[in-house]
Amino acid sequence: MASTIILIGGISCSGKTTLARRLATELDAPYLSIDDYYRPFDNLPLDVRKRVDFDAPDAIEHELLTEQLSQLTRGETILKPVYDAAAFERLPTPEPIYANPFVVVEGLFALLWRDLIGLTSHRVFVETDPEICLARRLQRDVEVYGRSMEFALSRYREQVEPSQSRFVLPTKSNATLVVSGTCGDRGLRSCLDWIQSPTAPAASAMSL
């Protein structure tokens, strides 16, 4: 069974993961996070890995990501890598992902690479006020990943903010649907209606 790929992009903590997971549940589809495709950096000691700029596109093994999504569009099974953000490492055991009518993929750079966005016309950009995103990110980094507030804020100012201004925000122009990351069920329903519509746009962007 060949898969239709749905790409969901947006800046850090814009709400793209929440939307992607809910959309995957509604469509009974696999969910893939591009974060799992961080390069292993196995050759680097932990203290050096912690200083890697994980908010830059080069940190993602996008060649593997694109190839595996291409395999899914051909109906093949993939072995997706699994990344442990708290430990700054790729885990040794991959996760099998089986082809499905839809596969939902989300991440900062989901709409960045031409070879990736060329796989599908279903491209969503989640737009949210940057101050809301910052507050969400700091809370997540401290409560979920165990970072200090000082570390989280420093990383945001030095790496996250500049990178998303340069690499993520411009990818809104590659979306065929733009939704708000604060509209909850309305955004989910908009995505579902759009994806399931026989006249879903394949070129010009819609905003909802």
C-alpha atoms as a PDB file:
ATOM      1  CA  MET A   1       0.000   0.000   0.000  1.00  0.00           C
ATOM      2  CA  ALA A   2       1.545   3.298  -1.080  1.00  0.00           C
ATOM      3  CA  SER A   3       1.479   6.052   1.529  1.00  0.00           C
ATOM      4  CA  THR A   4       0.467   9.676   1.117  1.00  0.00           C
ATOM      5  CA  ILE A   5       2.865  11.799   3.172  1.00  0.00           C
ATOM      6  CA  ILE A   6       1.539  14.731   5.226  1.00  0.00           C
ATOM      7  CA  LEU A   7       4.295  17.173   6.214  1.00  0.00           C
ATOM      8  CA  ILE A   8       3.769  19.526   9.165  1.00  0.00           C
ATOM      9  CA  GLY A   9       6.301  22.282   9.852  1.00  0.00           C
ATOM     10  CA  GLY A  10       6.614  25.367  12.038  1.00  0.00           C
ATOM     11  CA  ILE A  11       8.898  26.955  14.598  1.00  0.00           C
ATOM     12  CA  SER A  12       9.807  25.303  17.896  1.00  0.00           C
ATOM     13  CA  CYS A  13       6.781  24.663  20.136  1.00  0.00           C
ATOM     14  CA  SER A  14       4.345  26.163  17.652  1.00  0.00           C
ATOM     15  CA  GLY A  15       1.949  23.264  18.243  1.00  0.00           C
ATOM     16  CA  LYS A  16       2.976  21.152  15.258  1.00  0.00           C
ATOM     17  CA  THR A  17       3.624  18.019  17.340  1.00  0.00           C
ATOM     18  CA  THR A  18       0.218  18.247  19.031  1.00  0.00           C
ATOM     19  CA  LEU A  19      -1.503  18.740  15.680  1.00  0.00           C
ATOM     20  CA  ALA A  20       0.483  15.943  14.035  1.00  0.00           C
ATOM     21  CA  ARG A  21      -0.239  13.425  16.786  1.00  0.00           C
ATOM     22  CA  ARG A  22      -3.956  14.234  16.815  1.00  0.00           C
ATOM     23  CA  LEU A  23      -4.110  14.102  13.038  1.00  0.00           C
ATOM     24  CA  ALA A  24      -2.350  10.728  13.032  1.00  0.00           C
ATOM     25  CA  THR A  25      -4.867   9.429  15.578  1.00  0.00           C
ATOM     26  CA  GLU A  26      -7.840  10.657  13.546  1.00  0.00           C
ATOM     27  CA  LEU A  27      -6.447   9.137  10.342  1.00  0.00           C
ATOM     28  CA  ASP A  28      -5.214   5.952  12.065  1.00  0.00           C
ATOM     29  CA  ALA A  29      -1.844   6.773  10.552  1.00  0.00           C
ATOM     30  CA  PRO A  30       1.783   6.387  11.658  1.00  0.00           C
ATOM     31  CA  TYR A  31       3.382   9.484  13.186  1.00  0.00           C
ATOM     32  CA  LEU A  32       7.029  10.338  12.478  1.00  0.00           C
ATOM     33  CA  SER A  33       9.026  13.062  14.203  1.00  0.00           C
ATOM     34  CA  ILE A  34      11.918  14.495  12.220  1.00  0.00           C
ATOM     35  CA  ASP A  35      13.711  14.836  15.583  1.00  0.00           C
ATOM     36  CA  ASP A  36      14.329  11.087  15.415  1.00  0.00           C
ATOM     37  CA  TYR A  37      16.562  11.710  12.416  1.00  0.00           C
ATOM     38  CA  TYR A  38      19.154  13.739  14.312  1.00  0.00           C
ATOM     39  CA  ARG A  39      22.580  12.514  13.302  1.00  0.00           C
ATOM     40  CA  PRO A  40      24.013  10.070  15.887  1.00  0.00           C
ATOM     41  CA  PHE A  41      27.161  12.072  16.727  1.00  0.00           C
ATOM     42  CA  ASP A  42      28.384   8.825  18.301  1.00  0.00           C
ATOM     43  CA  ASN A  43      31.986   9.905  17.901  1.00  0.00           C
ATOM     44  CA  LEU A  44      31.506  12.901  20.192  1.00  0.00           C
ATOM     45  CA  PRO A  45      31.642  12.801  24.014  1.00  0.00           C
ATOM     46  CA  LEU A  46      28.459  13.780  25.837  1.00  0.00           C
ATOM     47  CA  ASP A  47      29.648  17.233  26.879  1.00  0.00           C
ATOM     48  CA  VAL A  48      30.404  18.028  23.225  1.00  0.00           C
ATOM     49  CA  ARG A  49      27.085  16.583  21.969  1.00  0.00           C
ATOM     50  CA  LYS A  50      25.270  18.897  24.353  1.00  0.00           C
ATOM     51  CA  ARG A  51      26.770  21.866  22.535  1.00  0.00           C
ATOM     52  CA  VAL A  52      25.735  20.711  19.052  1.00  0.00           C
ATOM     53  CA  ASP A  53      23.301  23.102  17.369  1.00  0.00           C
ATOM     54  CA  PHE A  54      20.292  20.802  17.070  1.00  0.00           C
ATOM     55  CA  ASP A  55      18.237  23.659  15.646  1.00  0.00           C
ATOM     56  CA  ALA A  56      20.276  23.781  12.439  1.00  0.00           C
ATOM     57  CA  PRO A  57      19.257  21.719   9.380  1.00  0.00           C
ATOM     58  CA  ASP A  58      22.667  20.039   9.186  1.00  0.00           C
ATOM     59  CA  ALA A  59      21.934  18.261  12.474  1.00  0.00           C
ATOM     60  CA  ILE A  60      19.272  16.212  10.681  1.00  0.00           C
ATOM     61  CA  GLU A  61      20.188  13.196   8.563  1.00  0.00           C
ATOM     62  CA  HIS A  62      17.754  14.390   5.941  1.00  0.00           C
ATOM     63  CA  GLU A  63      19.107  12.049   3.277  1.00  0.00           C
ATOM     64  CA  LEU A  64      17.916   9.072   5.336  1.00  0.00           C
ATOM     65  CA  LEU A  65      14.615  10.813   6.118  1.00  0.00           C
ATOM     66  CA  THR A  66      13.890  11.497   2.457  1.00  0.00           C
ATOM     67  CA  GLU A  67      14.849   7.981   1.382  1.00  0.00           C
ATOM     68  CA  GLN A  68      12.663   6.356   4.046  1.00  0.00           C
ATOM     69  CA  LEU A  69       9.659   8.528   3.203  1.00  0.00           C
ATOM     70  CA  SER A  70      10.192   7.667  -0.456  1.00  0.00           C
ATOM     71  CA  GLN A  71      10.106   4.004   0.528  1.00  0.00           C
ATOM     72  CA  LEU A  72       6.771   4.526   2.283  1.00  0.00           C
ATOM     73  CA  THR A  73       5.319   6.161  -0.835  1.00  0.00           C
ATOM     74  CA  ARG A  74       6.282   2.947  -2.634  1.00  0.00           C
ATOM     75  CA  GLY A  75       4.492   0.825  -0.049  1.00  0.00           C
ATOM     76  CA  GLU A  76       7.644  -0.424   1.661  1.00  0.00           C
ATOM     77  CA  THR A  77       8.329  -0.873   5.379  1.00  0.00           C
ATOM     78  CA  ILE A  78      11.070   1.252   6.972  1.00  0.00           C
ATOM     79  CA  LEU A  79      13.164   1.020  10.114  1.00  0.00           C
ATOM     80  CA  LYS A  80      12.926   4.505  11.587  1.00  0.00           C
ATOM     81  CA  PRO A  81      15.707   5.671  13.905  1.00  0.00           C
ATOM     82  CA  VAL A  82      14.758   6.641  17.468  1.00  0.00           C
ATOM     83  CA  TYR A  83      16.430   9.602  19.158  1.00  0.00           C
ATOM     84  CA  ASP A  84      16.565  10.192  22.923  1.00  0.00           C
ATOM     85  CA  ALA A  85      16.588  13.983  23.361  1.00  0.00           C
ATOM     86  CA  ALA A  86      17.190  13.794  27.102  1.00  0.00           C
ATOM     87  CA  ALA A  87      20.346  11.704  26.588  1.00  0.00           C
ATOM     88  CA  PHE A  88      21.467  13.428  23.363  1.00  0.00           C
ATOM     89  CA  GLU A  89      21.785  10.116  21.521  1.00  0.00           C
ATOM     90  CA  ARG A  90      20.237   7.878  18.894  1.00  0.00           C
ATOM     91  CA  LEU A  91      19.037   4.620  20.410  1.00  0.00           C
ATOM     92  CA  PRO A  92      20.414   1.337  19.034  1.00  0.00           C
ATOM     93  CA  THR A  93      17.039  -0.228  18.166  1.00  0.00           C
ATOM     94  CA  PRO A  94      15.043   1.327  15.293  1.00  0.00           C
ATOM     95  CA  GLU A  95      11.251   1.297  15.061  1.00  0.00           C
ATOM     96  CA  PRO A  96       9.479  -0.403  12.142  1.00  0.00           C
ATOM     97  CA  ILE A  97       6.972   1.809  10.319  1.00  0.00           C
ATOM     98  CA  TYR A  98       4.570   0.177   7.892  1.00  0.00           C
ATOM     99  CA  ALA A  99       3.075   1.805   4.817  1.00  0.00           C
ATOM    100  CA  ASN A 100      -0.410   3.199   5.430  1.00  0.00           C
ATOM    101  CA  PRO A 101      -2.833   5.311   3.385  1.00  0.00           C
ATOM    102  CA  PHE A 102      -1.438   8.334   5.252  1.00  0.00           C
ATOM    103  CA  VAL A 103       1.803   8.950   7.152  1.00  0.00           C
ATOM    104  CA  VAL A 104       2.081  12.124   9.272  1.00  0.00           C
ATOM    105  CA  VAL A 105       5.554  13.681   9.532  1.00  0.00           C
ATOM    106  CA  GLU A 106       6.383  16.755  11.608  1.00  0.00           C
ATOM    107  CA  GLY A 107       9.435  18.783  12.464  1.00  0.00           C
ATOM    108  CA  LEU A 108      11.144  22.152  12.263  1.00  0.00           C
ATOM    109  CA  PHE A 109      12.423  21.500   8.761  1.00  0.00           C
ATOM    110  CA  ALA A 110       9.526  19.493   7.338  1.00  0.00           C
ATOM    111  CA  LEU A 111       9.016  22.088   4.593  1.00  0.00           C
ATOM    112  CA  LEU A 112      12.671  22.990   3.998  1.00  0.00           C
ATOM    113  CA  TRP A 113      14.277  20.423   1.704  1.00  0.00           C
ATOM    114  CA  ARG A 114      13.155  20.355  -1.926  1.00  0.00           C
ATOM    115  CA  ASP A 115      13.556  16.602  -2.270  1.00  0.00           C
ATOM    116  CA  LEU A 116      11.341  16.124   0.786  1.00  0.00           C
ATOM    117  CA  ILE A 117       8.534  18.542  -0.091  1.00  0.00           C
ATOM    118  CA  GLY A 118       8.564  17.125  -3.616  1.00  0.00           C
ATOM    119  CA  LEU A 119       7.124  13.905  -2.207  1.00  0.00           C
ATOM    120  CA  THR A 120       3.705  15.393  -1.402  1.00  0.00           C
ATOM    121  CA  SER A 121       1.266  18.251  -1.954  1.00  0.00           C
ATOM    122  CA  HIS A 122      -0.009  17.864   1.627  1.00  0.00           C
ATOM    123  CA  ARG A 123       2.194  20.444   3.358  1.00  0.00           C
ATOM    124  CA  VAL A 124       1.041  22.228   6.521  1.00  0.00           C
ATOM    125  CA  PHE A 125       2.687  25.151   8.316  1.00  0.00           C
ATOM    126  CA  VAL A 126       1.639  25.810  11.933  1.00  0.00           C
ATOM    127  CA  GLU A 127       1.815  29.527  12.733  1.00  0.00           C
ATOM    128  CA  THR A 128       1.976  30.720  16.361  1.00  0.00           C
ATOM    129  CA  ASP A 129       3.138  33.891  18.099  1.00  0.00           C
ATOM    130  CA  PRO A 130       6.879  33.481  18.886  1.00  0.00           C
ATOM    131  CA  GLU A 131       6.422  34.620  22.496  1.00  0.00           C
ATOM    132  CA  ILE A 132       3.899  31.842  23.077  1.00  0.00           C
ATOM    133  CA  CYS A 133       6.339  29.387  21.507  1.00  0.00           C
ATOM    134  CA  LEU A 134       9.167  30.595  23.749  1.00  0.00           C
ATOM    135  CA  ALA A 135       7.107  30.130  26.911  1.00  0.00           C
ATOM    136  CA  ARG A 136       6.097  26.621  25.799  1.00  0.00           C
ATOM    137  CA  ARG A 137       9.677  25.684  24.938  1.00  0.00           C
ATOM    138  CA  LEU A 138      11.157  26.840  28.234  1.00  0.00           C
ATOM    139  CA  GLN A 139       8.516  24.897  30.160  1.00  0.00           C
ATOM    140  CA  ARG A 140       9.145  21.767  28.078  1.00  0.00           C
ATOM    141  CA  ASP A 141      12.928  21.933  28.307  1.00  0.00           C
ATOM    142  CA  VAL A 142      12.864  22.348  32.078  1.00  0.00           C
ATOM    143  CA  GLU A 143      10.026  19.967  32.972  1.00  0.00           C
ATOM    144  CA  VAL A 144      10.439  17.249  30.332  1.00  0.00           C
ATOM    145  CA  TYR A 145      14.133  17.268  29.425  1.00  0.00           C
ATOM    146  CA  GLY A 146      15.491  18.313  32.823  1.00  0.00           C
ATOM    147  CA  ARG A 147      17.408  21.306  31.492  1.00  0.00           C
ATOM    148  CA  SER A 148      18.095  24.308  33.711  1.00  0.00           C
ATOM    149  CA  MET A 149      16.185  27.499  32.894  1.00  0.00           C
ATOM    150  CA  GLU A 150      19.497  29.241  32.257  1.00  0.00           C
ATOM    151  CA  PHE A 151      20.609  26.554  29.799  1.00  0.00           C
ATOM    152  CA  ALA A 152      17.228  26.500  28.028  1.00  0.00           C
ATOM    153  CA  LEU A 153      17.033  30.272  27.625  1.00  0.00           C
ATOM    154  CA  SER A 154      20.652  30.555  26.487  1.00  0.00           C
ATOM    155  CA  ARG A 155      20.164  27.865  23.852  1.00  0.00           C
ATOM    156  CA  TYR A 156      17.009  29.562  22.641  1.00  0.00           C
ATOM    157  CA  ARG A 157      18.654  32.972  22.219  1.00  0.00           C
ATOM    158  CA  GLU A 158      21.918  31.683  20.729  1.00  0.00           C
ATOM    159  CA  GLN A 159      20.693  28.836  18.509  1.00  0.00           C
ATOM    160  CA  VAL A 160      16.931  28.373  18.259  1.00  0.00           C
ATOM    161  CA  GLU A 161      15.791  31.911  17.520  1.00  0.00           C
ATOM    162  CA  PRO A 162      18.404  32.705  14.837  1.00  0.00           C
ATOM    163  CA  SER A 163      17.981  29.309  13.166  1.00  0.00           C
ATOM    164  CA  GLN A 164      14.216  29.437  12.925  1.00  0.00           C
ATOM    165  CA  SER A 165      14.330  32.989  11.544  1.00  0.00           C
ATOM    166  CA  ARG A 166      16.750  31.832   8.861  1.00  0.00           C
ATOM    167  CA  PHE A 167      15.518  28.331   8.059  1.00  0.00           C
ATOM    168  CA  VAL A 168      11.997  27.718   9.407  1.00  0.00           C
ATOM    169  CA  LEU A 169       9.877  30.849   9.036  1.00  0.00           C
ATOM    170  CA  PRO A 170      10.650  31.170   5.293  1.00  0.00           C
ATOM    171  CA  THR A 171       9.280  27.642   4.698  1.00  0.00           C
ATOM    172  CA  LYS A 172       5.763  28.936   5.264  1.00  0.00           C
ATOM    173  CA  SER A 173       5.831  29.780   1.546  1.00  0.00           C
ATOM    174  CA  ASN A 174       6.183  26.045   0.765  1.00  0.00           C
ATOM    175  CA  ALA A 175       2.969  25.153   2.618  1.00  0.00           C
ATOM    176  CA  THR A 176      -0.308  24.360   0.918  1.00  0.00           C
ATOM    177  CA  LEU A 177      -2.170  24.949   4.174  1.00  0.00           C
ATOM    178  CA  VAL A 178      -1.403  27.357   7.042  1.00  0.00           C
ATOM    179  CA  VAL A 179      -3.129  26.865  10.401  1.00  0.00           C
ATOM    180  CA  SER A 180      -2.880  28.575  13.784  1.00  0.00           C
ATOM    181  CA  GLY A 181      -1.146  26.672  16.561  1.00  0.00           C
ATOM    182  CA  THR A 182      -3.590  28.095  19.111  1.00  0.00           C
ATOM    183  CA  CYS A 183      -6.938  27.225  17.521  1.00  0.00           C
ATOM    184  CA  GLY A 184      -7.113  23.651  18.869  1.00  0.00           C
ATOM    185  CA  ASP A 185      -9.940  21.528  17.480  1.00  0.00           C
ATOM    186  CA  ARG A 186     -10.679  24.018  14.721  1.00  0.00           C
ATOM    187  CA  GLY A 187      -7.169  23.621  13.323  1.00  0.00           C
ATOM    188  CA  LEU A 188      -7.436  19.825  13.482  1.00  0.00           C
ATOM    189  CA  ARG A 189     -10.818  19.828  11.766  1.00  0.00           C
ATOM    190  CA  SER A 190      -9.528  22.208   9.093  1.00  0.00           C
ATOM    191  CA  CYS A 191      -6.652  19.825   8.366  1.00  0.00           C
ATOM    192  CA  LEU A 192      -8.900  16.782   8.222  1.00  0.00           C
ATOM    193  CA  ASP A 193     -11.432  18.458   5.940  1.00  0.00           C
ATOM    194  CA  TRP A 194      -8.657  19.692   3.668  1.00  0.00           C
ATOM    195  CA  ILE A 195      -6.819  16.342   3.489  1.00  0.00           C
ATOM    196  CA  GLN A 196      -9.994  14.379   2.813  1.00  0.00           C
ATOM    197  CA  SER A 197     -11.329  16.823   0.225  1.00  0.00           C
ATOM    198  CA  PRO A 198     -11.028  15.670  -3.397  1.00  0.00           C
ATOM    199  CA  THR A 199     -10.197  19.279  -4.308  1.00  0.00           C
ATOM    200  CA  ALA A 200      -7.423  19.781  -1.743  1.00  0.00           C
ATOM    201  CA  PRO A 201      -5.045  22.447  -3.101  1.00  0.00           C
ATOM    202  CA  ALA A 202      -1.835  21.206  -4.658  1.00  0.00           C
ATOM    203  CA  ALA A 203      -0.126  24.499  -5.385  1.00  0.00           C
ATOM    204  CA  SER A 204      -1.487  27.647  -3.775  1.00  0.00           C
ATOM    205  CA  ALA A 205      -1.501  28.043   0.007  1.00  0.00           C
ATOM    206  CA  MET A 206      -4.651  28.358   2.074  1.00  0.00           C
ATOM    207  CA  SER A 207      -4.773  29.971   5.515  1.00  0.00           C
ATOM    208  CA  LEU A 208      -7.180  28.816   8.216  1.00  0.00           C
END
